[in-house]
Amino acid sequence: MRIAVPGGTGTLGRPVVAKLVRRGHEVRVLSRTPPPRPQPGSTHHAVDLVTGAGLREALAGVDAVIDAANTTGGGRKAAPVLVDGTRRLLEIEAREGVGHHVAISIVGIDAVPLSYYGAKRAQERVVEQGPVAWSIVRATQFHELLDWIFRTTARARIVPALGFPLAPVDPRFVARALADAAEAGPGGRLAPVAGPQAAPLRELARDWARARGRRVLPVALPLRRDMKRALTSGALMPGDEAVTGGPSFAEWLQARDAQPVPA
């Protein structure tokens, strides 16, 4: 198959591209700038989801798209890429005869009151109502996200001591699910994907501090009432139907041979 991967240079996009190449697909990496280390077996196409520049040429002759594009910031900043960009992407996919659009989303976006999650909900609606047959895979939080959160709070020598549960996942395991979905053909809403172990955030923070060799103080950081209600109710947990696997957060930290982070 000829598969295009918008966002193929990002945290999720890189393992998606690697997985597809290993399976023998012809892979096009779509991003604004070339990857610093191009993956053998893939080709790069410069595109801009906000303006649509380069999309028609990049999608010509493509069988399927796995959209791993992302952006930083809240819902207002994310919408031009996640919502408007997805709508533009789908319109051009339809014109070029692309038969399948695979979208990645996040477990819990229906319940957790974050503006970014609102943009992801809107993105899902665009895919569902769009002109291309689709599959949507929701995943739990990536290990890299937790690592970034804990590194950020550790600058003040604290980590969040909050009790709500998470089942973080390695993006490489999510990449496998997305590649499977592309090969299987349009399937609508597929089973969510999660890591193998669920734990309260405070335990994950403790694992991180131990692996990084950091002496930090666990602190119960304040949350808005509606946010706390959603999180403590398990809104970010994937449910019994989830496909689980990959390394746990502690195993991921150990595999990276983490070194102490300077203060």
C-alpha atoms as a PDB file:
ATOM      1  CA  MET A   1       0.000   0.000   0.000  1.00  0.00           C
ATOM      2  CA  ARG A   2       0.980   3.602  -0.511  1.00  0.00           C
ATOM      3  CA  ILE A   3       0.369   5.351   2.824  1.00  0.00           C
ATOM      4  CA  ALA A   4       0.817   9.023   3.728  1.00  0.00           C
ATOM      5  CA  VAL A   5       1.549  10.054   7.304  1.00  0.00           C
ATOM      6  CA  PRO A   6       0.880  13.726   8.137  1.00  0.00           C
ATOM      7  CA  GLY A   7       2.898  14.502  11.251  1.00  0.00           C
ATOM      8  CA  GLY A   8       5.300  11.701  10.390  1.00  0.00           C
ATOM      9  CA  THR A   9       8.187  13.484  12.106  1.00  0.00           C
ATOM     10  CA  GLY A  10       6.530  13.676  15.557  1.00  0.00           C
ATOM     11  CA  THR A  11       6.458  11.533  18.687  1.00  0.00           C
ATOM     12  CA  LEU A  12       3.822   9.216  17.252  1.00  0.00           C
ATOM     13  CA  GLY A  13       4.492   9.771  13.565  1.00  0.00           C
ATOM     14  CA  ARG A  14       8.072   8.487  13.673  1.00  0.00           C
ATOM     15  CA  PRO A  15       7.170   5.015  14.993  1.00  0.00           C
ATOM     16  CA  VAL A  16       4.173   4.882  12.637  1.00  0.00           C
ATOM     17  CA  VAL A  17       6.471   5.493   9.666  1.00  0.00           C
ATOM     18  CA  ALA A  18       8.995   2.949  10.947  1.00  0.00           C
ATOM     19  CA  LYS A  19       6.299   0.318  11.454  1.00  0.00           C
ATOM     20  CA  LEU A  20       4.842   0.834   7.964  1.00  0.00           C
ATOM     21  CA  VAL A  21       8.256   0.697   6.299  1.00  0.00           C
ATOM     22  CA  ARG A  22       9.075  -2.581   8.070  1.00  0.00           C
ATOM     23  CA  ARG A  23       5.808  -4.014   6.779  1.00  0.00           C
ATOM     24  CA  GLY A  24       6.782  -3.199   3.218  1.00  0.00           C
ATOM     25  CA  HIS A  25       4.520  -0.233   2.513  1.00  0.00           C
ATOM     26  CA  GLU A  26       5.477   2.776   0.420  1.00  0.00           C
ATOM     27  CA  VAL A  27       5.432   5.579   2.984  1.00  0.00           C
ATOM     28  CA  ARG A  28       5.205   9.319   2.466  1.00  0.00           C
ATOM     29  CA  VAL A  29       6.097  11.536   5.429  1.00  0.00           C
ATOM     30  CA  LEU A  30       4.072  14.767   5.338  1.00  0.00           C
ATOM     31  CA  SER A  31       5.306  17.723   7.397  1.00  0.00           C
ATOM     32  CA  ARG A  32       6.271  21.356   7.029  1.00  0.00           C
ATOM     33  CA  THR A  33       9.988  20.622   7.390  1.00  0.00           C
ATOM     34  CA  PRO A  34      12.010  17.491   6.573  1.00  0.00           C
ATOM     35  CA  PRO A  35      12.865  15.119   9.429  1.00  0.00           C
ATOM     36  CA  PRO A  36      16.406  15.624  10.804  1.00  0.00           C
ATOM     37  CA  ARG A  37      17.041  11.890  10.352  1.00  0.00           C
ATOM     38  CA  PRO A  38      14.926  10.588   7.439  1.00  0.00           C
ATOM     39  CA  GLN A  39      13.841   6.994   7.848  1.00  0.00           C
ATOM     40  CA  PRO A  40      15.103   4.721   5.075  1.00  0.00           C
ATOM     41  CA  GLY A  41      12.249   3.505   2.933  1.00  0.00           C
ATOM     42  CA  SER A  42      10.203   6.696   3.278  1.00  0.00           C
ATOM     43  CA  THR A  43      10.016   9.902   1.280  1.00  0.00           C
ATOM     44  CA  HIS A  44       9.308  13.384   2.603  1.00  0.00           C
ATOM     45  CA  HIS A  45       6.714  15.777   1.173  1.00  0.00           C
ATOM     46  CA  ALA A  46       6.554  19.361   2.422  1.00  0.00           C
ATOM     47  CA  VAL A  47       2.953  20.283   3.303  1.00  0.00           C
ATOM     48  CA  ASP A  48       1.105  22.810   5.439  1.00  0.00           C
ATOM     49  CA  LEU A  49      -2.224  21.662   6.865  1.00  0.00           C
ATOM     50  CA  VAL A  50      -3.222  25.215   7.753  1.00  0.00           C
ATOM     51  CA  THR A  51      -2.915  26.537   4.189  1.00  0.00           C
ATOM     52  CA  GLY A  52      -3.195  23.270   2.279  1.00  0.00           C
ATOM     53  CA  ALA A  53       0.102  23.907   0.489  1.00  0.00           C
ATOM     54  CA  GLY A  54       1.624  20.749  -0.968  1.00  0.00           C
ATOM     55  CA  LEU A  55      -1.230  18.423  -0.013  1.00  0.00           C
ATOM     56  CA  ARG A  56      -2.490  17.636  -3.513  1.00  0.00           C
ATOM     57  CA  GLU A  57       0.915  16.547  -4.752  1.00  0.00           C
ATOM     58  CA  ALA A  58       1.658  14.627  -1.554  1.00  0.00           C
ATOM     59  CA  LEU A  59      -1.623  12.679  -1.676  1.00  0.00           C
ATOM     60  CA  ALA A  60      -1.647  11.807  -5.372  1.00  0.00           C
ATOM     61  CA  GLY A  61      -1.915   8.039  -5.762  1.00  0.00           C
ATOM     62  CA  VAL A  62      -2.135   7.389  -2.013  1.00  0.00           C
ATOM     63  CA  ASP A  63      -4.252   4.467  -0.768  1.00  0.00           C
ATOM     64  CA  ALA A  64      -4.576   5.469   2.900  1.00  0.00           C
ATOM     65  CA  VAL A  65      -3.663   8.262   5.295  1.00  0.00           C
ATOM     66  CA  ILE A  66      -2.662   7.843   8.932  1.00  0.00           C
ATOM     67  CA  ASP A  67      -3.014  11.323  10.398  1.00  0.00           C
ATOM     68  CA  ALA A  68      -0.497  11.750  13.211  1.00  0.00           C
ATOM     69  CA  ALA A  69      -0.336  15.541  12.914  1.00  0.00           C
ATOM     70  CA  ASN A  70      -0.405  17.491  16.159  1.00  0.00           C
ATOM     71  CA  THR A  71       0.229  20.944  17.520  1.00  0.00           C
ATOM     72  CA  THR A  72       0.989  22.574  20.844  1.00  0.00           C
ATOM     73  CA  GLY A  73      -1.292  24.884  22.779  1.00  0.00           C
ATOM     74  CA  GLY A  74      -4.919  24.824  23.832  1.00  0.00           C
ATOM     75  CA  GLY A  75      -8.058  24.412  21.788  1.00  0.00           C
ATOM     76  CA  ARG A  76      -7.944  27.854  20.176  1.00  0.00           C
ATOM     77  CA  LYS A  77      -4.372  27.335  18.978  1.00  0.00           C
ATOM     78  CA  ALA A  78      -4.923  23.675  18.102  1.00  0.00           C
ATOM     79  CA  ALA A  79      -8.081  24.111  16.027  1.00  0.00           C
ATOM     80  CA  PRO A  80      -6.424  25.509  12.852  1.00  0.00           C
ATOM     81  CA  VAL A  81      -4.408  22.285  12.546  1.00  0.00           C
ATOM     82  CA  LEU A  82      -6.571  19.637  14.199  1.00  0.00           C
ATOM     83  CA  VAL A  83      -9.989  20.814  12.994  1.00  0.00           C
ATOM     84  CA  ASP A  84      -9.600  23.089   9.970  1.00  0.00           C
ATOM     85  CA  GLY A  85      -6.468  21.245   8.836  1.00  0.00           C
ATOM     86  CA  THR A  86      -8.226  17.877   9.064  1.00  0.00           C
ATOM     87  CA  ARG A  87     -11.182  19.179   7.073  1.00  0.00           C
ATOM     88  CA  ARG A  88      -8.827  20.469   4.381  1.00  0.00           C
ATOM     89  CA  LEU A  89      -6.869  17.207   4.408  1.00  0.00           C
ATOM     90  CA  LEU A  90     -10.030  15.134   3.946  1.00  0.00           C
ATOM     91  CA  GLU A  91     -11.278  17.307   1.090  1.00  0.00           C
ATOM     92  CA  ILE A  92      -8.054  16.785  -0.836  1.00  0.00           C
ATOM     93  CA  GLU A  93      -7.968  13.073   0.043  1.00  0.00           C
ATOM     94  CA  ALA A  94     -11.422  12.735  -1.511  1.00  0.00           C
ATOM     95  CA  ARG A  95     -10.336  14.576  -4.674  1.00  0.00           C
ATOM     96  CA  GLU A  96      -7.269  12.358  -5.009  1.00  0.00           C
ATOM     97  CA  GLY A  97      -9.188   9.127  -4.451  1.00  0.00           C
ATOM     98  CA  VAL A  98      -7.724   8.177  -1.076  1.00  0.00           C
ATOM     99  CA  GLY A  99      -9.836   5.304   0.252  1.00  0.00           C
ATOM    100  CA  HIS A 100      -9.161   5.337   3.992  1.00  0.00           C
ATOM    101  CA  HIS A 101      -8.401   7.958   6.639  1.00  0.00           C
ATOM    102  CA  VAL A 102      -7.058   6.732   9.992  1.00  0.00           C
ATOM    103  CA  ALA A 103      -7.228   9.242  12.854  1.00  0.00           C
ATOM    104  CA  ILE A 104      -5.600   9.109  16.277  1.00  0.00           C
ATOM    105  CA  SER A 105      -7.494  10.545  19.232  1.00  0.00           C
ATOM    106  CA  ILE A 106      -7.382  10.454  23.028  1.00  0.00           C
ATOM    107  CA  VAL A 107      -9.198   8.414  25.641  1.00  0.00           C
ATOM    108  CA  GLY A 108     -11.356  10.614  27.867  1.00  0.00           C
ATOM    109  CA  ILE A 109     -11.862  13.633  25.630  1.00  0.00           C
ATOM    110  CA  ASP A 110     -15.644  13.431  26.117  1.00  0.00           C
ATOM    111  CA  ALA A 111     -15.380  13.937  29.866  1.00  0.00           C
ATOM    112  CA  VAL A 112     -12.239  15.961  30.648  1.00  0.00           C
ATOM    113  CA  PRO A 113     -12.795  19.756  30.348  1.00  0.00           C
ATOM    114  CA  LEU A 114      -9.604  20.762  28.539  1.00  0.00           C
ATOM    115  CA  SER A 115      -9.658  23.071  25.536  1.00  0.00           C
ATOM    116  CA  TYR A 116      -7.239  20.823  23.651  1.00  0.00           C
ATOM    117  CA  TYR A 117      -9.569  17.878  24.223  1.00  0.00           C
ATOM    118  CA  GLY A 118     -12.400  19.981  22.842  1.00  0.00           C
ATOM    119  CA  ALA A 119     -10.384  20.433  19.660  1.00  0.00           C
ATOM    120  CA  LYS A 120      -9.848  16.673  19.469  1.00  0.00           C
ATOM    121  CA  ARG A 121     -13.608  16.089  19.817  1.00  0.00           C
ATOM    122  CA  ALA A 122     -14.212  18.521  16.983  1.00  0.00           C
ATOM    123  CA  GLN A 123     -11.562  16.771  14.906  1.00  0.00           C
ATOM    124  CA  GLU A 124     -13.313  13.439  15.409  1.00  0.00           C
ATOM    125  CA  ARG A 125     -16.598  14.944  14.214  1.00  0.00           C
ATOM    126  CA  VAL A 126     -14.918  16.289  11.087  1.00  0.00           C
ATOM    127  CA  VAL A 127     -13.565  12.813  10.314  1.00  0.00           C
ATOM    128  CA  GLU A 128     -16.915  11.112  10.978  1.00  0.00           C
ATOM    129  CA  GLN A 129     -18.797  13.569   8.787  1.00  0.00           C
ATOM    130  CA  GLY A 130     -16.121  13.806   6.102  1.00  0.00           C
ATOM    131  CA  PRO A 131     -16.037  12.460   2.550  1.00  0.00           C
ATOM    132  CA  VAL A 132     -13.487   9.653   3.137  1.00  0.00           C
ATOM    133  CA  ALA A 133     -14.099   6.259   4.773  1.00  0.00           C
ATOM    134  CA  TRP A 134     -12.474   6.320   8.195  1.00  0.00           C
ATOM    135  CA  SER A 135     -11.170   4.628  11.307  1.00  0.00           C
ATOM    136  CA  ILE A 136     -10.582   6.337  14.672  1.00  0.00           C
ATOM    137  CA  VAL A 137      -8.271   4.948  17.356  1.00  0.00           C
ATOM    138  CA  ARG A 138      -8.219   6.546  20.785  1.00  0.00           C
ATOM    139  CA  ALA A 139      -5.129   6.085  22.949  1.00  0.00           C
ATOM    140  CA  THR A 140      -4.182   6.903  26.515  1.00  0.00           C
ATOM    141  CA  GLN A 141      -1.452   9.384  27.431  1.00  0.00           C
ATOM    142  CA  PHE A 142       2.002   8.709  26.010  1.00  0.00           C
ATOM    143  CA  HIS A 143       4.934   7.953  28.295  1.00  0.00           C
ATOM    144  CA  GLU A 144       6.708  10.980  26.818  1.00  0.00           C
ATOM    145  CA  LEU A 145       3.938  13.272  28.049  1.00  0.00           C
ATOM    146  CA  LEU A 146       4.285  12.083  31.643  1.00  0.00           C
ATOM    147  CA  ASP A 147       8.060  12.408  31.413  1.00  0.00           C
ATOM    148  CA  TRP A 148       7.637  16.022  30.251  1.00  0.00           C
ATOM    149  CA  ILE A 149       5.128  16.835  33.017  1.00  0.00           C
ATOM    150  CA  PHE A 150       7.366  15.440  35.732  1.00  0.00           C
ATOM    151  CA  ARG A 151      10.485  17.139  34.343  1.00  0.00           C
ATOM    152  CA  THR A 152       8.617  20.434  34.271  1.00  0.00           C
ATOM    153  CA  THR A 153       7.322  20.260  37.847  1.00  0.00           C
ATOM    154  CA  ALA A 154      10.657  18.905  39.103  1.00  0.00           C
ATOM    155  CA  ARG A 155      12.264  22.235  38.239  1.00  0.00           C
ATOM    156  CA  ALA A 156      10.496  23.476  41.354  1.00  0.00           C
ATOM    157  CA  ARG A 157      11.548  20.248  43.138  1.00  0.00           C
ATOM    158  CA  ILE A 158       8.008  18.899  43.256  1.00  0.00           C
ATOM    159  CA  VAL A 159       5.959  16.275  41.454  1.00  0.00           C
ATOM    160  CA  PRO A 160       2.164  16.001  41.404  1.00  0.00           C
ATOM    161  CA  ALA A 161       0.853  13.714  44.170  1.00  0.00           C
ATOM    162  CA  LEU A 162      -2.581  13.184  42.656  1.00  0.00           C
ATOM    163  CA  GLY A 163      -4.563   9.983  42.958  1.00  0.00           C
ATOM    164  CA  PHE A 164      -6.423   9.775  39.653  1.00  0.00           C
ATOM    165  CA  PRO A 165      -5.550   6.700  37.545  1.00  0.00           C
ATOM    166  CA  LEU A 166      -3.751   6.560  34.219  1.00  0.00           C
ATOM    167  CA  ALA A 167      -2.713   3.743  31.899  1.00  0.00           C
ATOM    168  CA  PRO A 168       0.067   5.439  29.897  1.00  0.00           C
ATOM    169  CA  VAL A 169       1.262   3.849  26.682  1.00  0.00           C
ATOM    170  CA  ASP A 170       4.349   3.684  24.503  1.00  0.00           C
ATOM    171  CA  PRO A 171       3.718   5.404  21.128  1.00  0.00           C
ATOM    172  CA  ARG A 172       5.337   2.416  19.401  1.00  0.00           C
ATOM    173  CA  PHE A 173       2.463   0.226  20.601  1.00  0.00           C
ATOM    174  CA  VAL A 174      -0.049   2.793  19.344  1.00  0.00           C
ATOM    175  CA  ALA A 175       1.801   2.882  16.022  1.00  0.00           C
ATOM    176  CA  ARG A 176       1.204  -0.843  15.630  1.00  0.00           C
ATOM    177  CA  ALA A 177      -2.536  -0.362  16.190  1.00  0.00           C
ATOM    178  CA  LEU A 178      -2.648   2.423  13.589  1.00  0.00           C
ATOM    179  CA  ALA A 179      -0.738   0.353  11.038  1.00  0.00           C
ATOM    180  CA  ASP A 180      -3.106  -2.568  11.668  1.00  0.00           C
ATOM    181  CA  ALA A 181      -6.075  -0.256  11.158  1.00  0.00           C
ATOM    182  CA  ALA A 182      -4.715   1.066   7.857  1.00  0.00           C
ATOM    183  CA  GLU A 183      -4.152  -2.462   6.557  1.00  0.00           C
ATOM    184  CA  ALA A 184      -7.568  -3.701   7.695  1.00  0.00           C
ATOM    185  CA  GLY A 185      -9.523  -0.974   5.914  1.00  0.00           C
ATOM    186  CA  PRO A 186     -12.164   1.422   7.236  1.00  0.00           C
ATOM    187  CA  GLY A 187     -13.531   0.217  10.567  1.00  0.00           C
ATOM    188  CA  GLY A 188     -15.173   3.240  12.191  1.00  0.00           C
ATOM    189  CA  ARG A 189     -14.473   3.567  15.907  1.00  0.00           C
ATOM    190  CA  LEU A 190     -11.951   0.916  16.888  1.00  0.00           C
ATOM    191  CA  ALA A 191     -10.978  -0.369  20.327  1.00  0.00           C
ATOM    192  CA  PRO A 192      -8.937   2.107  22.373  1.00  0.00           C
ATOM    193  CA  VAL A 193      -5.243   1.460  22.971  1.00  0.00           C
ATOM    194  CA  ALA A 194      -3.544   1.668  26.369  1.00  0.00           C
ATOM    195  CA  GLY A 195      -0.459   0.628  28.248  1.00  0.00           C
ATOM    196  CA  PRO A 196      -0.295  -2.635  30.216  1.00  0.00           C
ATOM    197  CA  GLN A 197      -0.510  -1.139  33.683  1.00  0.00           C
ATOM    198  CA  ALA A 198      -2.838   1.337  35.373  1.00  0.00           C
ATOM    199  CA  ALA A 199      -1.604   3.342  38.340  1.00  0.00           C
ATOM    200  CA  PRO A 200      -2.379   6.583  40.178  1.00  0.00           C
ATOM    201  CA  LEU A 201      -0.465   9.586  38.908  1.00  0.00           C
ATOM    202  CA  ARG A 202       1.402   9.857  42.224  1.00  0.00           C
ATOM    203  CA  GLU A 203       2.819   6.338  41.772  1.00  0.00           C
ATOM    204  CA  LEU A 204       3.929   7.126  38.239  1.00  0.00           C
ATOM    205  CA  ALA A 205       5.612  10.279  39.582  1.00  0.00           C
ATOM    206  CA  ARG A 206       7.383   8.191  42.202  1.00  0.00           C
ATOM    207  CA  ASP A 207       8.620   5.781  39.511  1.00  0.00           C
ATOM    208  CA  TRP A 208       9.883   8.724  37.488  1.00  0.00           C
ATOM    209  CA  ALA A 209      11.742  10.316  40.416  1.00  0.00           C
ATOM    210  CA  ARG A 210      13.382   7.001  41.281  1.00  0.00           C
ATOM    211  CA  ALA A 211      14.470   6.381  37.684  1.00  0.00           C
ATOM    212  CA  ARG A 212      15.767   9.908  37.237  1.00  0.00           C
ATOM    213  CA  GLY A 213      17.514  10.000  40.600  1.00  0.00           C
ATOM    214  CA  ARG A 214      15.630  13.120  41.615  1.00  0.00           C
ATOM    215  CA  ARG A 215      14.781  14.166  45.163  1.00  0.00           C
ATOM    216  CA  VAL A 216      11.415  15.865  44.830  1.00  0.00           C
ATOM    217  CA  LEU A 217       8.489  16.592  47.096  1.00  0.00           C
ATOM    218  CA  PRO A 218       5.107  15.044  46.189  1.00  0.00           C
ATOM    219  CA  VAL A 219       2.516  17.835  46.234  1.00  0.00           C
ATOM    220  CA  ALA A 220      -1.250  17.608  45.755  1.00  0.00           C
ATOM    221  CA  LEU A 221      -1.557  20.298  43.106  1.00  0.00           C
ATOM    222  CA  PRO A 222      -4.948  22.092  42.992  1.00  0.00           C
ATOM    223  CA  LEU A 223      -7.440  21.242  40.262  1.00  0.00           C
ATOM    224  CA  ARG A 224     -10.654  22.880  39.143  1.00  0.00           C
ATOM    225  CA  ARG A 225     -13.661  21.133  40.621  1.00  0.00           C
ATOM    226  CA  ASP A 226     -14.978  19.877  37.280  1.00  0.00           C
ATOM    227  CA  MET A 227     -11.514  18.692  36.265  1.00  0.00           C
ATOM    228  CA  LYS A 228     -10.977  16.869  39.551  1.00  0.00           C
ATOM    229  CA  ARG A 229     -14.381  15.206  39.297  1.00  0.00           C
ATOM    230  CA  ALA A 230     -13.658  13.928  35.804  1.00  0.00           C
ATOM    231  CA  LEU A 231     -10.159  12.689  36.554  1.00  0.00           C
ATOM    232  CA  THR A 232     -10.959  10.969  39.832  1.00  0.00           C
ATOM    233  CA  SER A 233     -13.885   9.202  38.174  1.00  0.00           C
ATOM    234  CA  GLY A 234     -11.420   7.495  35.842  1.00  0.00           C
ATOM    235  CA  ALA A 235     -12.173   9.521  32.717  1.00  0.00           C
ATOM    236  CA  LEU A 236      -8.694   8.882  31.311  1.00  0.00           C
ATOM    237  CA  MET A 237      -8.947   5.114  31.721  1.00  0.00           C
ATOM    238  CA  PRO A 238      -9.628   3.132  28.525  1.00  0.00           C
ATOM    239  CA  GLY A 239     -12.198   0.580  29.707  1.00  0.00           C
ATOM    240  CA  ASP A 240     -12.310  -3.198  29.482  1.00  0.00           C
ATOM    241  CA  GLU A 241     -12.500  -3.251  25.675  1.00  0.00           C
ATOM    242  CA  ALA A 242      -9.057  -1.655  25.283  1.00  0.00           C
ATOM    243  CA  VAL A 243      -6.166  -3.308  23.494  1.00  0.00           C
ATOM    244  CA  THR A 244      -3.265  -3.141  25.958  1.00  0.00           C
ATOM    245  CA  GLY A 245       0.440  -3.765  25.616  1.00  0.00           C
ATOM    246  CA  GLY A 246       3.890  -2.319  25.238  1.00  0.00           C
ATOM    247  CA  PRO A 247       6.191  -1.477  28.158  1.00  0.00           C
ATOM    248  CA  SER A 248       4.846  -0.014  31.366  1.00  0.00           C
ATOM    249  CA  PHE A 249       5.980   3.481  32.315  1.00  0.00           C
ATOM    250  CA  ALA A 250       8.603   2.102  34.714  1.00  0.00           C
ATOM    251  CA  GLU A 251       9.888  -0.308  32.065  1.00  0.00           C
ATOM    252  CA  TRP A 252      10.007   2.489  29.502  1.00  0.00           C
ATOM    253  CA  LEU A 253      12.053   4.654  31.864  1.00  0.00           C
ATOM    254  CA  GLN A 254      14.448   1.784  32.543  1.00  0.00           C
ATOM    255  CA  ALA A 255      14.835   0.982  28.838  1.00  0.00           C
ATOM    256  CA  ARG A 256      15.800   4.587  28.114  1.00  0.00           C
ATOM    257  CA  ASP A 257      18.620   4.223  30.635  1.00  0.00           C
ATOM    258  CA  ALA A 258      17.540   7.539  32.106  1.00  0.00           C
ATOM    259  CA  GLN A 259      20.170   9.774  33.600  1.00  0.00           C
ATOM    260  CA  PRO A 260      19.539  12.280  36.435  1.00  0.00           C
ATOM    261  CA  VAL A 261      18.112  15.520  35.090  1.00  0.00           C
ATOM    262  CA  PRO A 262      20.064  18.575  36.245  1.00  0.00           C
ATOM    263  CA  ALA A 263      18.162  21.013  38.442  1.00  0.00           C
END
